[in-house]
Amino acid sequence: MEASVRRDVLVKADPARVFAAFTDINDLLAWFADGAVVGRHVGGNWGLGWYADEESDEGYHVFGTFDVYEPGSELVVRDVRFSTPEGETWEGMRLSVRFEHAEGGTRVTVAQEGVGQGPAWDGYAAGLGPGWERSLSDLRAWLEEGRKLPGR
């Protein structure tokens, strides 16, 4: 298992616009989550939620605090905690997202560190890489084509 996960994507948009897609609630609801709370400053909260299914009020949650908040450049969320409707929780992670100007747009690099090891972490850790790949593809589709997630 990876103790950290790093994925990147080139998006045809400027760094400020791509940064906003990670911090603006309307953007987050279009490409990433079913619910969001964002305090746009160092020390502010970054919380996202996903319904387990369309007929349930229960779901998955991720929550952390901004350690770095540099619009158009970088954001870092510390003390990341992910929880499931079944009561499973994984915590103590750090999420870094860098936005670098590249020819044709912005190179977005996501790194999730502090992923634990052992049986309690195995299923969560196995889904991180594919999950970020899917999410970054959704980000690109939103910013380049205006394509929202289904049901949005």
N, C-alpha and C. Protein backbone atom coordinates (compact mmCIF):
# COMPACT_ATOMS: atom_id res chain seq x y z
N MET A 1 0.83 -1.18 0.00
CA MET A 1 0.00 0.00 0.00
C MET A 1 0.88 1.25 0.00
N GLU A 2 0.38 2.30 -0.61
CA GLU A 2 1.08 3.57 -0.62
C GLU A 2 0.87 4.29 0.71
N ALA A 3 1.94 4.77 1.35
CA ALA A 3 1.80 5.57 2.56
C ALA A 3 1.38 6.99 2.23
N SER A 4 1.57 7.35 0.98
CA SER A 4 1.08 8.63 0.48
C SER A 4 0.64 8.40 -0.96
N VAL A 5 -0.23 9.26 -1.42
CA VAL A 5 -0.74 9.17 -2.78
C VAL A 5 -0.50 10.51 -3.46
N ARG A 6 0.03 10.46 -4.67
CA ARG A 6 0.28 11.68 -5.44
C ARG A 6 -0.25 11.46 -6.84
N ARG A 7 -1.08 12.38 -7.29
CA ARG A 7 -1.63 12.34 -8.64
C ARG A 7 -1.64 13.75 -9.20
N ASP A 8 -1.57 13.86 -10.53
CA ASP A 8 -1.63 15.19 -11.13
C ASP A 8 -2.39 15.15 -12.45
N VAL A 9 -2.77 16.35 -12.89
CA VAL A 9 -3.52 16.49 -14.13
C VAL A 9 -3.24 17.88 -14.68
N LEU A 10 -3.25 18.00 -16.00
CA LEU A 10 -3.15 19.30 -16.67
C LEU A 10 -4.56 19.75 -17.00
N VAL A 11 -4.92 20.94 -16.56
CA VAL A 11 -6.25 21.49 -16.79
C VAL A 11 -6.10 22.76 -17.62
N LYS A 12 -6.91 22.90 -18.65
CA LYS A 12 -6.86 24.08 -19.52
C LYS A 12 -7.62 25.23 -18.88
N ALA A 13 -7.02 25.79 -17.84
CA ALA A 13 -7.57 26.95 -17.13
C ALA A 13 -6.41 27.57 -16.35
N ASP A 14 -6.57 28.85 -15.99
CA ASP A 14 -5.47 29.49 -15.26
C ASP A 14 -5.47 29.04 -13.80
N PRO A 15 -4.31 29.17 -13.13
CA PRO A 15 -4.19 28.67 -11.75
C PRO A 15 -5.23 29.24 -10.79
N ALA A 16 -5.58 30.51 -10.91
CA ALA A 16 -6.57 31.10 -10.00
C ALA A 16 -7.93 30.41 -10.16
N ARG A 17 -8.30 30.12 -11.40
CA ARG A 17 -9.59 29.46 -11.64
C ARG A 17 -9.60 28.04 -11.09
N VAL A 18 -8.49 27.31 -11.27
CA VAL A 18 -8.43 25.93 -10.78
C VAL A 18 -8.42 25.92 -9.24
N PHE A 19 -7.69 26.86 -8.64
CA PHE A 19 -7.69 26.98 -7.17
C PHE A 19 -9.12 27.19 -6.67
N ALA A 20 -9.85 28.08 -7.35
CA ALA A 20 -11.23 28.37 -6.95
C ALA A 20 -12.10 27.11 -7.00
N ALA A 21 -11.82 26.21 -7.93
CA ALA A 21 -12.61 24.98 -8.03
C ALA A 21 -12.47 24.11 -6.78
N PHE A 22 -11.39 24.27 -6.03
CA PHE A 22 -11.18 23.53 -4.78
C PHE A 22 -11.71 24.26 -3.55
N THR A 23 -12.04 25.55 -3.71
CA THR A 23 -12.40 26.35 -2.53
C THR A 23 -13.74 27.05 -2.64
N ASP A 24 -14.32 27.14 -3.81
CA ASP A 24 -15.62 27.76 -3.99
C ASP A 24 -16.71 26.68 -3.86
N ILE A 25 -17.67 26.93 -3.00
CA ILE A 25 -18.68 25.90 -2.73
C ILE A 25 -19.45 25.51 -3.98
N ASN A 26 -19.85 26.47 -4.81
CA ASN A 26 -20.59 26.12 -6.03
C ASN A 26 -19.76 25.25 -6.97
N ASP A 27 -18.48 25.55 -7.07
CA ASP A 27 -17.60 24.70 -7.89
C ASP A 27 -17.49 23.31 -7.29
N LEU A 28 -17.23 23.23 -6.00
CA LEU A 28 -17.09 21.92 -5.36
C LEU A 28 -18.33 21.05 -5.54
N LEU A 29 -19.51 21.67 -5.46
CA LEU A 29 -20.75 20.91 -5.63
C LEU A 29 -20.95 20.46 -7.07
N ALA A 30 -20.35 21.14 -8.01
CA ALA A 30 -20.49 20.77 -9.43
C ALA A 30 -19.61 19.57 -9.80
N TRP A 31 -18.39 19.51 -9.27
CA TRP A 31 -17.47 18.47 -9.74
C TRP A 31 -17.02 17.46 -8.68
N PHE A 32 -17.25 17.77 -7.39
CA PHE A 32 -16.56 16.94 -6.40
C PHE A 32 -17.46 16.35 -5.32
N ALA A 33 -18.34 17.13 -4.70
CA ALA A 33 -19.02 16.66 -3.50
C ALA A 33 -20.51 17.00 -3.51
N ASP A 34 -21.26 16.37 -2.61
CA ASP A 34 -22.68 16.66 -2.43
C ASP A 34 -22.91 17.81 -1.47
N GLY A 35 -21.94 18.11 -0.63
CA GLY A 35 -22.03 19.20 0.32
C GLY A 35 -20.64 19.70 0.65
N ALA A 36 -20.52 20.98 1.02
CA ALA A 36 -19.21 21.54 1.31
C ALA A 36 -19.31 22.70 2.30
N VAL A 37 -18.28 22.82 3.13
CA VAL A 37 -18.08 23.95 4.02
C VAL A 37 -16.63 24.37 3.85
N VAL A 38 -16.41 25.65 3.52
CA VAL A 38 -15.04 26.11 3.26
C VAL A 38 -14.81 27.46 3.93
N GLY A 39 -13.85 27.50 4.84
CA GLY A 39 -13.39 28.76 5.43
C GLY A 39 -12.14 29.17 4.69
N ARG A 40 -12.23 30.13 3.81
CA ARG A 40 -11.15 30.46 2.86
C ARG A 40 -10.02 31.28 3.47
N HIS A 41 -9.31 30.68 4.43
CA HIS A 41 -8.16 31.34 5.05
C HIS A 41 -7.42 30.29 5.88
N VAL A 42 -6.16 30.60 6.19
CA VAL A 42 -5.40 29.71 7.06
C VAL A 42 -6.16 29.59 8.38
N GLY A 43 -6.35 28.36 8.83
CA GLY A 43 -7.12 28.09 10.04
C GLY A 43 -8.59 27.82 9.75
N GLY A 44 -9.01 28.07 8.50
CA GLY A 44 -10.40 27.80 8.11
C GLY A 44 -10.62 26.31 7.87
N ASN A 45 -11.87 25.91 7.93
CA ASN A 45 -12.22 24.51 7.73
C ASN A 45 -12.44 24.20 6.26
N TRP A 46 -12.14 22.96 5.89
CA TRP A 46 -12.44 22.42 4.56
C TRP A 46 -13.15 21.10 4.81
N GLY A 47 -14.46 21.11 4.60
CA GLY A 47 -15.26 19.92 4.85
C GLY A 47 -16.11 19.57 3.65
N LEU A 48 -16.14 18.30 3.30
CA LEU A 48 -16.92 17.82 2.16
C LEU A 48 -17.73 16.61 2.59
N GLY A 49 -18.87 16.41 1.91
CA GLY A 49 -19.69 15.26 2.21
C GLY A 49 -20.30 14.67 0.95
N TRP A 50 -20.54 13.36 1.01
CA TRP A 50 -21.15 12.62 -0.10
C TRP A 50 -22.21 11.71 0.49
N TYR A 51 -23.40 11.71 -0.10
CA TYR A 51 -24.45 10.81 0.35
C TYR A 51 -24.08 9.38 0.00
N ALA A 52 -24.41 8.46 0.90
CA ALA A 52 -24.15 7.05 0.66
C ALA A 52 -24.98 6.55 -0.52
N ASP A 53 -26.21 7.02 -0.62
CA ASP A 53 -27.07 6.74 -1.77
C ASP A 53 -28.16 7.81 -1.80
N GLU A 54 -28.92 7.85 -2.87
CA GLU A 54 -29.90 8.92 -3.07
C GLU A 54 -31.00 8.94 -2.03
N GLU A 55 -31.25 7.81 -1.39
CA GLU A 55 -32.37 7.73 -0.45
C GLU A 55 -31.92 7.73 1.01
N SER A 56 -30.70 8.13 1.26
CA SER A 56 -30.16 8.11 2.61
C SER A 56 -29.70 9.50 3.02
N ASP A 57 -29.82 9.80 4.29
CA ASP A 57 -29.24 11.03 4.83
C ASP A 57 -27.84 10.79 5.36
N GLU A 58 -27.40 9.56 5.33
CA GLU A 58 -26.08 9.22 5.82
C GLU A 58 -25.08 9.27 4.68
N GLY A 59 -23.81 9.44 5.02
CA GLY A 59 -22.83 9.50 3.96
C GLY A 59 -21.40 9.51 4.46
N TYR A 60 -20.54 9.91 3.56
CA TYR A 60 -19.10 9.95 3.78
C TYR A 60 -18.71 11.41 4.00
N HIS A 61 -17.72 11.62 4.87
CA HIS A 61 -17.30 12.99 5.18
C HIS A 61 -15.78 13.07 5.23
N VAL A 62 -15.26 14.20 4.77
CA VAL A 62 -13.85 14.51 4.97
C VAL A 62 -13.80 15.90 5.57
N PHE A 63 -12.91 16.07 6.53
CA PHE A 63 -12.84 17.33 7.24
C PHE A 63 -11.40 17.61 7.62
N GLY A 64 -10.98 18.86 7.49
CA GLY A 64 -9.64 19.26 7.89
C GLY A 64 -9.58 20.77 8.01
N THR A 65 -8.39 21.28 8.31
CA THR A 65 -8.16 22.70 8.54
C THR A 65 -7.06 23.18 7.61
N PHE A 66 -7.28 24.35 7.00
CA PHE A 66 -6.26 24.90 6.10
C PHE A 66 -5.02 25.30 6.90
N ASP A 67 -3.89 24.74 6.50
CA ASP A 67 -2.58 25.08 7.05
C ASP A 67 -1.91 26.10 6.13
N VAL A 68 -2.16 25.95 4.83
CA VAL A 68 -1.66 26.88 3.80
C VAL A 68 -2.85 27.22 2.92
N TYR A 69 -3.00 28.51 2.63
CA TYR A 69 -4.07 28.97 1.74
C TYR A 69 -3.50 30.11 0.91
N GLU A 70 -2.97 29.77 -0.26
CA GLU A 70 -2.34 30.73 -1.15
C GLU A 70 -3.06 30.66 -2.50
N PRO A 71 -4.08 31.53 -2.70
CA PRO A 71 -4.89 31.48 -3.92
C PRO A 71 -4.04 31.45 -5.19
N GLY A 72 -4.39 30.51 -6.06
CA GLY A 72 -3.69 30.34 -7.33
C GLY A 72 -2.38 29.60 -7.24
N SER A 73 -1.96 29.24 -6.04
CA SER A 73 -0.66 28.61 -5.88
C SER A 73 -0.73 27.27 -5.13
N GLU A 74 -1.25 27.30 -3.89
CA GLU A 74 -1.21 26.08 -3.08
C GLU A 74 -2.23 26.14 -1.96
N LEU A 75 -2.75 24.97 -1.63
CA LEU A 75 -3.52 24.83 -0.41
C LEU A 75 -3.09 23.53 0.26
N VAL A 76 -3.06 23.59 1.58
CA VAL A 76 -2.70 22.43 2.38
C VAL A 76 -3.74 22.31 3.48
N VAL A 77 -4.30 21.11 3.60
CA VAL A 77 -5.29 20.84 4.63
C VAL A 77 -4.65 19.84 5.61
N ARG A 78 -4.60 20.24 6.88
CA ARG A 78 -4.00 19.38 7.91
C ARG A 78 -5.09 18.69 8.72
N ASP A 79 -4.70 17.71 9.45
CA ASP A 79 -5.61 16.96 10.32
C ASP A 79 -6.82 16.43 9.56
N VAL A 80 -6.56 15.91 8.36
CA VAL A 80 -7.64 15.39 7.52
C VAL A 80 -8.21 14.13 8.15
N ARG A 81 -9.53 14.13 8.23
CA ARG A 81 -10.26 12.98 8.80
C ARG A 81 -11.33 12.57 7.81
N PHE A 82 -11.37 11.28 7.49
CA PHE A 82 -12.39 10.73 6.59
C PHE A 82 -13.23 9.75 7.37
N SER A 83 -14.56 9.86 7.23
CA SER A 83 -15.45 8.93 7.94
C SER A 83 -16.52 8.38 7.00
N THR A 84 -17.01 7.21 7.35
CA THR A 84 -18.02 6.51 6.55
C THR A 84 -19.33 6.43 7.31
N PRO A 85 -20.43 6.10 6.61
CA PRO A 85 -21.71 5.93 7.31
C PRO A 85 -21.70 4.76 8.29
N GLU A 86 -20.78 3.83 8.10
CA GLU A 86 -20.68 2.67 9.00
C GLU A 86 -19.90 2.99 10.27
N GLY A 87 -19.38 4.20 10.37
CA GLY A 87 -18.66 4.60 11.57
C GLY A 87 -17.16 4.42 11.50
N GLU A 88 -16.64 3.99 10.36
CA GLU A 88 -15.19 3.88 10.21
C GLU A 88 -14.59 5.27 10.07
N THR A 89 -13.41 5.48 10.64
CA THR A 89 -12.75 6.78 10.56
C THR A 89 -11.25 6.57 10.35
N TRP A 90 -10.70 7.38 9.47
CA TRP A 90 -9.26 7.42 9.25
C TRP A 90 -8.86 8.87 9.43
N GLU A 91 -7.84 9.11 10.25
CA GLU A 91 -7.49 10.50 10.54
C GLU A 91 -5.99 10.70 10.62
N GLY A 92 -5.60 11.97 10.73
CA GLY A 92 -4.19 12.31 10.85
C GLY A 92 -3.49 12.50 9.52
N MET A 93 -4.25 12.67 8.46
CA MET A 93 -3.65 12.83 7.14
C MET A 93 -3.46 14.31 6.81
N ARG A 94 -2.74 14.53 5.73
CA ARG A 94 -2.45 15.88 5.23
C ARG A 94 -2.68 15.85 3.72
N LEU A 95 -3.44 16.82 3.23
CA LEU A 95 -3.73 16.94 1.81
C LEU A 95 -3.09 18.22 1.28
N SER A 96 -2.25 18.09 0.27
CA SER A 96 -1.62 19.25 -0.37
C SER A 96 -2.07 19.29 -1.83
N VAL A 97 -2.43 20.48 -2.29
CA VAL A 97 -2.79 20.67 -3.69
C VAL A 97 -1.99 21.86 -4.20
N ARG A 98 -1.19 21.61 -5.25
CA ARG A 98 -0.37 22.67 -5.86
C ARG A 98 -0.93 23.00 -7.24
N PHE A 99 -0.85 24.26 -7.58
CA PHE A 99 -1.36 24.77 -8.85
C PHE A 99 -0.21 25.48 -9.54
N GLU A 100 0.33 24.87 -10.60
CA GLU A 100 1.49 25.44 -11.28
C GLU A 100 1.14 25.75 -12.73
N HIS A 101 1.45 26.99 -13.11
CA HIS A 101 1.22 27.38 -14.50
C HIS A 101 2.06 26.47 -15.41
N ALA A 102 1.40 25.94 -16.43
CA ALA A 102 2.08 25.07 -17.39
C ALA A 102 1.60 25.48 -18.78
N GLU A 103 2.37 25.14 -19.78
CA GLU A 103 1.93 25.46 -21.14
C GLU A 103 0.58 24.79 -21.38
N GLY A 104 -0.39 25.60 -21.75
CA GLY A 104 -1.72 25.08 -22.02
C GLY A 104 -2.64 25.10 -20.82
N GLY A 105 -2.17 25.58 -19.66
CA GLY A 105 -3.07 25.61 -18.52
C GLY A 105 -2.37 25.55 -17.18
N THR A 106 -2.88 24.68 -16.31
CA THR A 106 -2.38 24.56 -14.95
C THR A 106 -2.14 23.09 -14.63
N ARG A 107 -0.97 22.81 -14.10
CA ARG A 107 -0.66 21.47 -13.59
C ARG A 107 -1.13 21.43 -12.14
N VAL A 108 -2.10 20.56 -11.86
CA VAL A 108 -2.63 20.38 -10.51
C VAL A 108 -2.02 19.10 -9.96
N THR A 109 -1.35 19.23 -8.81
CA THR A 109 -0.76 18.07 -8.16
C THR A 109 -1.38 17.91 -6.78
N VAL A 110 -1.97 16.76 -6.56
CA VAL A 110 -2.61 16.43 -5.28
C VAL A 110 -1.73 15.40 -4.59
N ALA A 111 -1.43 15.65 -3.32
CA ALA A 111 -0.67 14.68 -2.52
C ALA A 111 -1.40 14.49 -1.20
N GLN A 112 -1.73 13.26 -0.90
CA GLN A 112 -2.37 12.93 0.38
C GLN A 112 -1.37 12.08 1.16
N GLU A 113 -0.91 12.62 2.27
CA GLU A 113 0.13 11.98 3.06
C GLU A 113 -0.40 11.58 4.43
N GLY A 114 0.36 10.75 5.10
CA GLY A 114 -0.03 10.32 6.43
C GLY A 114 -1.02 9.16 6.41
N VAL A 115 -1.07 8.48 5.29
CA VAL A 115 -1.95 7.31 5.17
C VAL A 115 -1.33 6.19 5.99
N GLY A 116 -2.09 5.65 6.92
CA GLY A 116 -1.58 4.60 7.79
C GLY A 116 -1.43 3.27 7.07
N GLN A 117 -0.87 2.33 7.79
CA GLN A 117 -0.69 1.00 7.25
C GLN A 117 -1.34 -0.02 8.17
N GLY A 118 -1.62 -1.17 7.62
CA GLY A 118 -2.23 -2.23 8.41
C GLY A 118 -3.66 -2.48 7.97
N PRO A 119 -4.26 -3.52 8.50
CA PRO A 119 -5.58 -3.95 8.06
C PRO A 119 -6.66 -2.87 8.15
N ALA A 120 -6.60 -2.03 9.17
CA ALA A 120 -7.63 -1.00 9.32
C ALA A 120 -7.57 0.05 8.21
N TRP A 121 -6.41 0.21 7.60
CA TRP A 121 -6.22 1.21 6.55
C TRP A 121 -6.27 0.63 5.15
N ASP A 122 -6.16 -0.68 4.99
CA ASP A 122 -5.97 -1.27 3.67
C ASP A 122 -7.03 -0.89 2.64
N GLY A 123 -8.30 -1.02 2.99
CA GLY A 123 -9.35 -0.71 2.03
C GLY A 123 -9.37 0.76 1.66
N TYR A 124 -9.23 1.63 2.66
CA TYR A 124 -9.21 3.07 2.41
C TYR A 124 -8.02 3.44 1.52
N ALA A 125 -6.85 2.95 1.87
CA ALA A 125 -5.63 3.27 1.13
C ALA A 125 -5.71 2.77 -0.31
N ALA A 126 -6.29 1.60 -0.51
CA ALA A 126 -6.39 1.04 -1.87
C ALA A 126 -7.26 1.90 -2.78
N GLY A 127 -8.22 2.60 -2.22
CA GLY A 127 -9.11 3.43 -3.04
C GLY A 127 -8.62 4.84 -3.29
N LEU A 128 -7.59 5.29 -2.58
CA LEU A 128 -7.14 6.67 -2.71
C LEU A 128 -6.64 7.03 -4.10
N GLY A 129 -5.71 6.24 -4.64
CA GLY A 129 -5.15 6.55 -5.96
C GLY A 129 -6.23 6.59 -7.03
N PRO A 130 -7.02 5.53 -7.19
CA PRO A 130 -8.10 5.56 -8.17
C PRO A 130 -9.13 6.66 -7.90
N GLY A 131 -9.38 6.93 -6.62
CA GLY A 131 -10.33 7.99 -6.28
C GLY A 131 -9.86 9.35 -6.72
N TRP A 132 -8.59 9.66 -6.48
CA TRP A 132 -8.04 10.94 -6.93
C TRP A 132 -7.96 11.02 -8.45
N GLU A 133 -7.65 9.91 -9.10
CA GLU A 133 -7.62 9.92 -10.58
C GLU A 133 -9.00 10.26 -11.13
N ARG A 134 -10.03 9.66 -10.60
CA ARG A 134 -11.41 9.93 -11.03
C ARG A 134 -11.79 11.38 -10.73
N SER A 135 -11.46 11.84 -9.53
CA SER A 135 -11.82 13.19 -9.15
C SER A 135 -11.10 14.24 -9.99
N LEU A 136 -9.83 14.03 -10.28
CA LEU A 136 -9.11 14.98 -11.12
C LEU A 136 -9.64 14.98 -12.55
N SER A 137 -10.08 13.84 -13.02
CA SER A 137 -10.74 13.78 -14.33
C SER A 137 -12.05 14.57 -14.31
N ASP A 138 -12.80 14.45 -13.21
CA ASP A 138 -14.04 15.23 -13.06
C ASP A 138 -13.74 16.72 -12.98
N LEU A 139 -12.66 17.10 -12.31
CA LEU A 139 -12.25 18.50 -12.25
C LEU A 139 -11.98 19.04 -13.64
N ARG A 140 -11.20 18.29 -14.41
CA ARG A 140 -10.88 18.72 -15.77
C ARG A 140 -12.14 18.84 -16.61
N ALA A 141 -13.05 17.89 -16.52
CA ALA A 141 -14.30 17.94 -17.29
C ALA A 141 -15.13 19.16 -16.90
N TRP A 142 -15.16 19.50 -15.62
CA TRP A 142 -15.91 20.66 -15.15
C TRP A 142 -15.31 21.96 -15.69
N LEU A 143 -14.00 22.10 -15.55
CA LEU A 143 -13.37 23.36 -15.94
C LEU A 143 -13.19 23.51 -17.45
N GLU A 144 -13.02 22.42 -18.17
CA GLU A 144 -12.80 22.52 -19.61
C GLU A 144 -14.09 22.41 -20.42
N GLU A 145 -15.06 21.65 -19.92
CA GLU A 145 -16.28 21.39 -20.69
C GLU A 145 -17.56 21.84 -19.99
N GLY A 146 -17.44 22.24 -18.74
CA GLY A 146 -18.62 22.61 -17.97
C GLY A 146 -19.47 21.42 -17.58
N ARG A 147 -18.86 20.22 -17.62
CA ARG A 147 -19.61 19.01 -17.30
C ARG A 147 -19.66 18.77 -15.79
N LYS A 148 -20.86 18.78 -15.25
CA LYS A 148 -21.06 18.52 -13.82
C LYS A 148 -21.21 17.03 -13.58
N LEU A 149 -21.06 16.65 -12.32
CA LEU A 149 -21.33 15.26 -11.95
C LEU A 149 -22.81 14.95 -12.20
N PRO A 150 -23.15 13.71 -12.42
CA PRO A 150 -24.55 13.35 -12.62
C PRO A 150 -25.41 13.81 -11.44
N GLY A 151 -26.60 14.27 -11.75
CA GLY A 151 -27.53 14.72 -10.73
C GLY A 151 -27.31 16.15 -10.26
N ARG A 152 -26.35 16.85 -10.86
CA ARG A 152 -26.09 18.24 -10.44
C ARG A 152 -26.75 19.20 -11.39
